[in-house]
Amino acid sequence: MQWKLKSFEELTPQELYGILRLRSEVFVVEQDCVYLDADGYDDKCLHLWAQDGEEYVACTRILPAGVYYEEASIGRVIVAKSHRGGVLGKELMRRSEEALYATGERGPIKIMAQSYLLQWYSSQGYEAQGEDFLEDGIPHRIMVKKG
């Protein structure tokens, strides 16, 4: 497994394609959710991903405080279907948090979690806030991890 972390400007066209393809495979095809993935934030983020050989198998985008929320955030959290059920998701979140803190962020991390993953994110130290809401037709809830 090879991990990479780059700003948007550092991504090669092939890397950007690999990340966007994985996001589309999971969020659009697998979850049957038609939404605009290119939402204007990717160029303000760090992008973390894992490759198993040539296959992109996990990714996140890491948003500094003030970009999407007042707090820093981790979004577009994905583990490919072929690699779920192990520890890859936990490692993905741990590495994402470490990358965020390496930028100097020290405050809380706010995420928009799909509701069916609340227990999983809770096991990573995130606390649910408020009630469920629909985002692109899928139930979500805000969660925060203290910095």
N, C-alpha and C. Protein backbone atom coordinates (compact mmCIF):
# COMPACT_ATOMS: atom_id res chain seq x y z
N MET A 1 0.85 -1.18 0.00
CA MET A 1 0.00 0.00 0.00
C MET A 1 0.90 1.24 0.00
N GLN A 2 0.63 2.13 -0.91
CA GLN A 2 1.40 3.37 -0.99
C GLN A 2 0.48 4.54 -0.69
N TRP A 3 0.91 5.41 0.23
CA TRP A 3 0.14 6.58 0.61
C TRP A 3 0.76 7.82 -0.01
N LYS A 4 -0.10 8.75 -0.44
CA LYS A 4 0.38 10.02 -1.01
C LYS A 4 -0.48 11.16 -0.46
N LEU A 5 0.17 12.29 -0.28
CA LEU A 5 -0.50 13.51 0.20
C LEU A 5 0.01 14.66 -0.66
N LYS A 6 -0.93 15.36 -1.30
CA LYS A 6 -0.54 16.47 -2.16
C LYS A 6 -1.59 17.57 -2.12
N SER A 7 -1.13 18.79 -2.37
CA SER A 7 -2.07 19.88 -2.60
C SER A 7 -2.66 19.70 -4.00
N PHE A 8 -3.72 20.41 -4.28
CA PHE A 8 -4.36 20.32 -5.59
C PHE A 8 -3.36 20.66 -6.70
N GLU A 9 -2.56 21.72 -6.48
CA GLU A 9 -1.61 22.16 -7.49
C GLU A 9 -0.54 21.12 -7.78
N GLU A 10 -0.24 20.28 -6.80
CA GLU A 10 0.80 19.26 -6.96
C GLU A 10 0.31 18.00 -7.67
N LEU A 11 -0.99 17.80 -7.73
CA LEU A 11 -1.54 16.58 -8.34
C LEU A 11 -1.23 16.53 -9.83
N THR A 12 -0.82 15.37 -10.30
CA THR A 12 -0.68 15.17 -11.74
C THR A 12 -2.08 14.92 -12.32
N PRO A 13 -2.25 15.08 -13.62
CA PRO A 13 -3.55 14.76 -14.21
C PRO A 13 -3.98 13.31 -13.91
N GLN A 14 -3.05 12.38 -13.93
CA GLN A 14 -3.37 10.98 -13.66
C GLN A 14 -3.83 10.78 -12.21
N GLU A 15 -3.18 11.46 -11.27
CA GLU A 15 -3.58 11.36 -9.86
C GLU A 15 -4.96 11.96 -9.64
N LEU A 16 -5.19 13.13 -10.21
CA LEU A 16 -6.51 13.75 -10.08
C LEU A 16 -7.58 12.85 -10.66
N TYR A 17 -7.31 12.27 -11.81
CA TYR A 17 -8.26 11.35 -12.44
C TYR A 17 -8.53 10.14 -11.52
N GLY A 18 -7.49 9.57 -10.94
CA GLY A 18 -7.65 8.42 -10.05
C GLY A 18 -8.51 8.74 -8.85
N ILE A 19 -8.29 9.90 -8.25
CA ILE A 19 -9.08 10.33 -7.09
C ILE A 19 -10.54 10.56 -7.50
N LEU A 20 -10.75 11.32 -8.56
CA LEU A 20 -12.12 11.62 -8.99
C LEU A 20 -12.86 10.36 -9.44
N ARG A 21 -12.14 9.44 -10.06
CA ARG A 21 -12.77 8.19 -10.47
C ARG A 21 -13.23 7.39 -9.26
N LEU A 22 -12.39 7.28 -8.23
CA LEU A 22 -12.76 6.56 -7.02
C LEU A 22 -13.96 7.22 -6.35
N ARG A 23 -13.95 8.54 -6.26
CA ARG A 23 -15.08 9.25 -5.66
C ARG A 23 -16.35 8.99 -6.44
N SER A 24 -16.26 9.00 -7.76
CA SER A 24 -17.43 8.75 -8.60
C SER A 24 -17.91 7.30 -8.46
N GLU A 25 -16.98 6.35 -8.42
CA GLU A 25 -17.35 4.94 -8.27
C GLU A 25 -18.17 4.71 -7.01
N VAL A 26 -17.76 5.34 -5.91
CA VAL A 26 -18.43 5.10 -4.63
C VAL A 26 -19.66 5.99 -4.48
N PHE A 27 -19.49 7.29 -4.60
CA PHE A 27 -20.60 8.20 -4.29
C PHE A 27 -21.68 8.23 -5.37
N VAL A 28 -21.30 8.18 -6.63
CA VAL A 28 -22.29 8.29 -7.71
C VAL A 28 -22.84 6.92 -8.11
N VAL A 29 -21.95 5.97 -8.41
CA VAL A 29 -22.39 4.66 -8.91
C VAL A 29 -22.88 3.77 -7.77
N GLU A 30 -22.01 3.48 -6.80
CA GLU A 30 -22.36 2.55 -5.73
C GLU A 30 -23.52 3.06 -4.88
N GLN A 31 -23.50 4.34 -4.52
CA GLN A 31 -24.55 4.89 -3.66
C GLN A 31 -25.71 5.48 -4.46
N ASP A 32 -25.64 5.39 -5.77
CA ASP A 32 -26.71 5.85 -6.65
C ASP A 32 -27.13 7.28 -6.30
N CYS A 33 -26.13 8.16 -6.23
CA CYS A 33 -26.36 9.54 -5.82
C CYS A 33 -25.79 10.47 -6.89
N VAL A 34 -26.67 11.11 -7.61
CA VAL A 34 -26.22 12.06 -8.62
C VAL A 34 -26.02 13.42 -7.94
N TYR A 35 -24.78 13.88 -7.93
CA TYR A 35 -24.45 15.16 -7.30
C TYR A 35 -23.23 15.74 -8.00
N LEU A 36 -22.98 17.02 -7.76
CA LEU A 36 -21.83 17.68 -8.36
C LEU A 36 -20.62 17.50 -7.45
N ASP A 37 -19.73 16.60 -7.83
CA ASP A 37 -18.54 16.34 -7.02
C ASP A 37 -17.55 17.50 -7.11
N ALA A 38 -17.39 18.07 -8.28
CA ALA A 38 -16.48 19.20 -8.47
C ALA A 38 -17.16 20.47 -7.95
N ASP A 39 -17.11 20.64 -6.63
CA ASP A 39 -17.91 21.66 -5.95
C ASP A 39 -17.17 22.96 -5.66
N GLY A 40 -15.96 23.11 -6.19
CA GLY A 40 -15.23 24.35 -6.00
C GLY A 40 -14.32 24.37 -4.79
N TYR A 41 -14.19 23.25 -4.07
CA TYR A 41 -13.34 23.21 -2.88
C TYR A 41 -12.04 22.43 -3.08
N ASP A 42 -11.99 21.56 -4.07
CA ASP A 42 -10.80 20.70 -4.23
C ASP A 42 -9.51 21.49 -4.35
N ASP A 43 -9.55 22.65 -4.97
CA ASP A 43 -8.32 23.42 -5.16
C ASP A 43 -7.84 24.10 -3.88
N LYS A 44 -8.63 24.02 -2.82
CA LYS A 44 -8.26 24.62 -1.53
C LYS A 44 -7.87 23.55 -0.51
N CYS A 45 -7.78 22.30 -0.95
CA CYS A 45 -7.60 21.16 -0.05
C CYS A 45 -6.26 20.47 -0.24
N LEU A 46 -5.91 19.70 0.77
CA LEU A 46 -4.90 18.66 0.62
C LEU A 46 -5.64 17.38 0.26
N HIS A 47 -5.03 16.56 -0.56
CA HIS A 47 -5.64 15.30 -0.98
C HIS A 47 -4.75 14.15 -0.53
N LEU A 48 -5.35 13.25 0.24
CA LEU A 48 -4.64 12.07 0.72
C LEU A 48 -5.27 10.85 0.07
N TRP A 49 -4.43 9.95 -0.42
CA TRP A 49 -4.98 8.72 -1.00
C TRP A 49 -4.00 7.57 -0.83
N ALA A 50 -4.57 6.38 -0.95
CA ALA A 50 -3.79 5.15 -0.90
C ALA A 50 -3.96 4.41 -2.21
N GLN A 51 -2.87 3.84 -2.68
CA GLN A 51 -2.89 3.01 -3.89
C GLN A 51 -2.39 1.62 -3.54
N ASP A 52 -3.08 0.63 -4.08
CA ASP A 52 -2.66 -0.76 -4.00
C ASP A 52 -2.21 -1.12 -5.41
N GLY A 53 -0.92 -0.99 -5.66
CA GLY A 53 -0.43 -1.08 -7.04
C GLY A 53 -0.90 0.16 -7.79
N GLU A 54 -1.61 -0.04 -8.88
CA GLU A 54 -2.14 1.08 -9.67
C GLU A 54 -3.55 1.46 -9.24
N GLU A 55 -4.17 0.64 -8.39
CA GLU A 55 -5.57 0.87 -7.99
C GLU A 55 -5.66 1.89 -6.85
N TYR A 56 -6.49 2.90 -7.04
CA TYR A 56 -6.78 3.87 -5.99
C TYR A 56 -7.81 3.23 -5.07
N VAL A 57 -7.46 3.07 -3.77
CA VAL A 57 -8.32 2.29 -2.88
C VAL A 57 -8.87 3.08 -1.70
N ALA A 58 -8.38 4.29 -1.46
CA ALA A 58 -8.89 5.11 -0.37
C ALA A 58 -8.49 6.56 -0.62
N CYS A 59 -9.32 7.48 -0.16
CA CYS A 59 -8.95 8.89 -0.29
C CYS A 59 -9.78 9.76 0.64
N THR A 60 -9.23 10.92 0.92
CA THR A 60 -9.94 11.99 1.61
C THR A 60 -9.48 13.31 1.01
N ARG A 61 -10.25 14.35 1.30
CA ARG A 61 -9.74 15.69 1.06
C ARG A 61 -9.78 16.41 2.40
N ILE A 62 -8.75 17.19 2.65
CA ILE A 62 -8.51 17.81 3.94
C ILE A 62 -8.64 19.31 3.77
N LEU A 63 -9.63 19.88 4.46
CA LEU A 63 -9.97 21.30 4.29
C LEU A 63 -9.51 22.10 5.50
N PRO A 64 -8.71 23.13 5.30
CA PRO A 64 -8.30 23.99 6.41
C PRO A 64 -9.51 24.71 7.02
N ALA A 65 -9.35 25.16 8.24
CA ALA A 65 -10.39 25.95 8.90
C ALA A 65 -10.74 27.15 8.02
N GLY A 66 -12.03 27.46 7.95
CA GLY A 66 -12.49 28.60 7.20
C GLY A 66 -12.79 28.36 5.74
N VAL A 67 -12.48 27.18 5.23
CA VAL A 67 -12.74 26.88 3.82
C VAL A 67 -14.18 26.43 3.62
N TYR A 68 -14.63 25.43 4.37
CA TYR A 68 -16.01 24.93 4.26
C TYR A 68 -16.78 25.24 5.54
N TYR A 69 -16.16 24.91 6.66
CA TYR A 69 -16.68 25.23 7.98
C TYR A 69 -15.72 26.20 8.64
N GLU A 70 -16.16 26.78 9.75
CA GLU A 70 -15.26 27.58 10.56
C GLU A 70 -14.10 26.71 11.05
N GLU A 71 -14.42 25.45 11.35
CA GLU A 71 -13.42 24.49 11.80
C GLU A 71 -12.76 23.81 10.59
N ALA A 72 -11.61 23.22 10.81
CA ALA A 72 -11.00 22.37 9.78
C ALA A 72 -11.90 21.16 9.56
N SER A 73 -11.76 20.53 8.41
CA SER A 73 -12.65 19.42 8.07
C SER A 73 -11.94 18.38 7.22
N ILE A 74 -12.47 17.17 7.29
CA ILE A 74 -12.04 16.07 6.42
C ILE A 74 -13.28 15.59 5.70
N GLY A 75 -13.20 15.52 4.39
CA GLY A 75 -14.37 15.12 3.62
C GLY A 75 -14.03 14.18 2.50
N ARG A 76 -15.07 13.77 1.76
CA ARG A 76 -14.94 12.83 0.64
C ARG A 76 -14.15 11.59 1.10
N VAL A 77 -14.52 11.09 2.28
CA VAL A 77 -13.84 9.93 2.88
C VAL A 77 -14.31 8.66 2.18
N ILE A 78 -13.38 7.96 1.56
CA ILE A 78 -13.75 6.78 0.76
C ILE A 78 -12.74 5.66 0.96
N VAL A 79 -13.27 4.46 1.13
CA VAL A 79 -12.49 3.24 0.98
C VAL A 79 -13.20 2.42 -0.09
N ALA A 80 -12.45 1.99 -1.09
CA ALA A 80 -13.03 1.20 -2.18
C ALA A 80 -13.66 -0.07 -1.62
N LYS A 81 -14.74 -0.48 -2.24
CA LYS A 81 -15.48 -1.67 -1.81
C LYS A 81 -14.55 -2.88 -1.65
N SER A 82 -13.59 -3.01 -2.54
CA SER A 82 -12.66 -4.14 -2.52
C SER A 82 -11.74 -4.15 -1.30
N HIS A 83 -11.66 -3.03 -0.58
CA HIS A 83 -10.72 -2.92 0.54
C HIS A 83 -11.41 -2.59 1.87
N ARG A 84 -12.71 -2.75 1.94
CA ARG A 84 -13.44 -2.48 3.19
C ARG A 84 -13.38 -3.69 4.12
N GLY A 85 -13.68 -3.43 5.39
CA GLY A 85 -13.77 -4.50 6.36
C GLY A 85 -12.50 -4.72 7.16
N GLY A 86 -11.46 -3.99 6.84
CA GLY A 86 -10.21 -4.10 7.58
C GLY A 86 -9.92 -2.82 8.33
N VAL A 87 -8.67 -2.47 8.41
CA VAL A 87 -8.25 -1.28 9.16
C VAL A 87 -7.93 -0.09 8.25
N LEU A 88 -8.14 -0.23 6.96
CA LEU A 88 -7.77 0.83 6.02
C LEU A 88 -8.50 2.14 6.32
N GLY A 89 -9.78 2.08 6.65
CA GLY A 89 -10.54 3.29 6.95
C GLY A 89 -10.00 4.02 8.17
N LYS A 90 -9.66 3.27 9.20
CA LYS A 90 -9.09 3.89 10.41
C LYS A 90 -7.74 4.52 10.10
N GLU A 91 -6.93 3.82 9.31
CA GLU A 91 -5.63 4.38 8.94
C GLU A 91 -5.81 5.63 8.08
N LEU A 92 -6.79 5.62 7.20
CA LEU A 92 -7.09 6.78 6.36
C LEU A 92 -7.44 7.99 7.22
N MET A 93 -8.31 7.81 8.20
CA MET A 93 -8.68 8.93 9.07
C MET A 93 -7.50 9.38 9.92
N ARG A 94 -6.74 8.44 10.47
CA ARG A 94 -5.58 8.81 11.29
C ARG A 94 -4.59 9.62 10.47
N ARG A 95 -4.28 9.15 9.28
CA ARG A 95 -3.34 9.87 8.42
C ARG A 95 -3.89 11.23 8.00
N SER A 96 -5.19 11.32 7.77
CA SER A 96 -5.82 12.59 7.40
C SER A 96 -5.71 13.59 8.54
N GLU A 97 -5.99 13.13 9.76
CA GLU A 97 -5.88 14.00 10.93
C GLU A 97 -4.44 14.45 11.14
N GLU A 98 -3.49 13.53 11.00
CA GLU A 98 -2.07 13.88 11.15
C GLU A 98 -1.66 14.92 10.10
N ALA A 99 -2.12 14.75 8.87
CA ALA A 99 -1.79 15.70 7.81
C ALA A 99 -2.37 17.07 8.13
N LEU A 100 -3.58 17.09 8.65
CA LEU A 100 -4.23 18.34 9.01
C LEU A 100 -3.45 19.04 10.13
N TYR A 101 -3.10 18.30 11.18
CA TYR A 101 -2.36 18.89 12.29
C TYR A 101 -0.96 19.33 11.87
N ALA A 102 -0.37 18.65 10.89
CA ALA A 102 0.95 19.04 10.39
C ALA A 102 0.93 20.40 9.71
N THR A 103 -0.25 20.85 9.27
CA THR A 103 -0.36 22.18 8.66
C THR A 103 -0.42 23.29 9.70
N GLY A 104 -0.50 22.91 10.98
CA GLY A 104 -0.59 23.89 12.05
C GLY A 104 -1.98 24.02 12.65
N GLU A 105 -2.96 23.35 12.09
CA GLU A 105 -4.31 23.37 12.65
C GLU A 105 -4.27 22.73 14.04
N ARG A 106 -4.95 23.34 15.00
CA ARG A 106 -4.98 22.81 16.35
C ARG A 106 -6.39 22.70 16.92
N GLY A 107 -7.36 23.21 16.21
CA GLY A 107 -8.72 23.21 16.71
C GLY A 107 -9.45 21.92 16.42
N PRO A 108 -10.76 21.93 16.64
CA PRO A 108 -11.56 20.74 16.37
C PRO A 108 -11.66 20.45 14.87
N ILE A 109 -12.01 19.21 14.56
CA ILE A 109 -12.24 18.78 13.18
C ILE A 109 -13.72 18.49 13.04
N LYS A 110 -14.36 19.13 12.07
CA LYS A 110 -15.79 18.96 11.85
C LYS A 110 -16.00 18.19 10.55
N ILE A 111 -16.86 17.17 10.62
CA ILE A 111 -17.15 16.37 9.43
C ILE A 111 -18.65 16.27 9.22
N MET A 112 -19.03 15.97 8.00
CA MET A 112 -20.42 15.67 7.65
C MET A 112 -20.46 14.18 7.34
N ALA A 113 -20.87 13.39 8.33
CA ALA A 113 -20.83 11.92 8.21
C ALA A 113 -22.14 11.37 7.69
N GLN A 114 -22.06 10.38 6.80
CA GLN A 114 -23.27 9.66 6.44
C GLN A 114 -23.76 8.94 7.69
N SER A 115 -25.05 9.04 7.96
CA SER A 115 -25.61 8.60 9.23
C SER A 115 -25.35 7.13 9.53
N TYR A 116 -25.30 6.29 8.52
CA TYR A 116 -25.07 4.87 8.80
C TYR A 116 -23.65 4.61 9.33
N LEU A 117 -22.77 5.61 9.25
CA LEU A 117 -21.40 5.48 9.74
C LEU A 117 -21.16 6.18 11.08
N LEU A 118 -22.22 6.63 11.75
CA LEU A 118 -22.05 7.36 13.01
C LEU A 118 -21.26 6.56 14.03
N GLN A 119 -21.60 5.29 14.20
CA GLN A 119 -20.90 4.47 15.19
C GLN A 119 -19.42 4.32 14.83
N TRP A 120 -19.14 4.14 13.55
CA TRP A 120 -17.75 4.00 13.12
C TRP A 120 -16.96 5.27 13.41
N TYR A 121 -17.51 6.44 13.06
CA TYR A 121 -16.81 7.70 13.34
C TYR A 121 -16.71 7.94 14.84
N SER A 122 -17.72 7.55 15.61
CA SER A 122 -17.65 7.67 17.07
C SER A 122 -16.46 6.89 17.60
N SER A 123 -16.19 5.73 17.03
CA SER A 123 -15.06 4.91 17.47
C SER A 123 -13.72 5.58 17.14
N GLN A 124 -13.75 6.59 16.28
CA GLN A 124 -12.55 7.35 15.92
C GLN A 124 -12.44 8.64 16.73
N GLY A 125 -13.35 8.83 17.70
CA GLY A 125 -13.29 10.01 18.57
C GLY A 125 -14.19 11.16 18.16
N TYR A 126 -15.03 10.98 17.16
CA TYR A 126 -15.94 12.04 16.72
C TYR A 126 -17.26 11.95 17.50
N GLU A 127 -17.82 13.10 17.83
CA GLU A 127 -19.08 13.17 18.56
C GLU A 127 -20.16 13.76 17.67
N ALA A 128 -21.31 13.08 17.62
CA ALA A 128 -22.43 13.54 16.80
C ALA A 128 -23.01 14.81 17.39
N GLN A 129 -23.44 15.72 16.52
CA GLN A 129 -24.08 16.96 16.94
C GLN A 129 -25.36 17.15 16.15
N GLY A 130 -26.42 17.53 16.84
CA GLY A 130 -27.68 17.83 16.17
C GLY A 130 -28.37 16.59 15.66
N GLU A 131 -29.25 16.82 14.69
CA GLU A 131 -30.09 15.76 14.13
C GLU A 131 -29.63 15.42 12.72
N ASP A 132 -30.12 14.31 12.21
CA ASP A 132 -29.85 13.93 10.83
C ASP A 132 -30.46 14.95 9.87
N PHE A 133 -29.85 15.11 8.72
CA PHE A 133 -30.37 15.95 7.64
C PHE A 133 -30.00 15.28 6.32
N LEU A 134 -30.69 15.65 5.28
CA LEU A 134 -30.41 15.08 3.96
C LEU A 134 -29.40 15.95 3.22
N GLU A 135 -28.38 15.32 2.70
CA GLU A 135 -27.41 15.96 1.83
C GLU A 135 -27.36 15.11 0.57
N ASP A 136 -27.77 15.67 -0.54
CA ASP A 136 -27.83 14.93 -1.81
C ASP A 136 -28.67 13.66 -1.67
N GLY A 137 -29.74 13.75 -0.87
CA GLY A 137 -30.68 12.64 -0.71
C GLY A 137 -30.23 11.54 0.24
N ILE A 138 -29.11 11.72 0.92
CA ILE A 138 -28.56 10.72 1.84
C ILE A 138 -28.52 11.31 3.25
N PRO A 139 -29.04 10.57 4.27
CA PRO A 139 -28.99 11.07 5.65
C PRO A 139 -27.55 11.27 6.13
N HIS A 140 -27.31 12.42 6.71
CA HIS A 140 -26.01 12.79 7.27
C HIS A 140 -26.21 13.39 8.65
N ARG A 141 -25.12 13.48 9.38
CA ARG A 141 -25.11 14.22 10.64
C ARG A 141 -23.73 14.86 10.82
N ILE A 142 -23.72 16.03 11.41
CA ILE A 142 -22.47 16.71 11.73
C ILE A 142 -21.82 15.99 12.91
N MET A 143 -20.51 15.82 12.83
CA MET A 143 -19.73 15.24 13.92
C MET A 143 -18.48 16.08 14.12
N VAL A 144 -18.01 16.14 15.37
CA VAL A 144 -16.84 16.95 15.69
C VAL A 144 -15.89 16.14 16.56
N LYS A 145 -14.60 16.28 16.27
CA LYS A 145 -13.55 15.70 17.11
C LYS A 145 -12.77 16.85 17.72
N LYS A 146 -12.67 16.86 19.01
CA LYS A 146 -11.95 17.93 19.70
C LYS A 146 -10.48 17.91 19.32
N GLY A 147 -9.93 19.11 19.15
CA GLY A 147 -8.53 19.23 18.75
C GLY A 147 -7.58 19.09 19.90
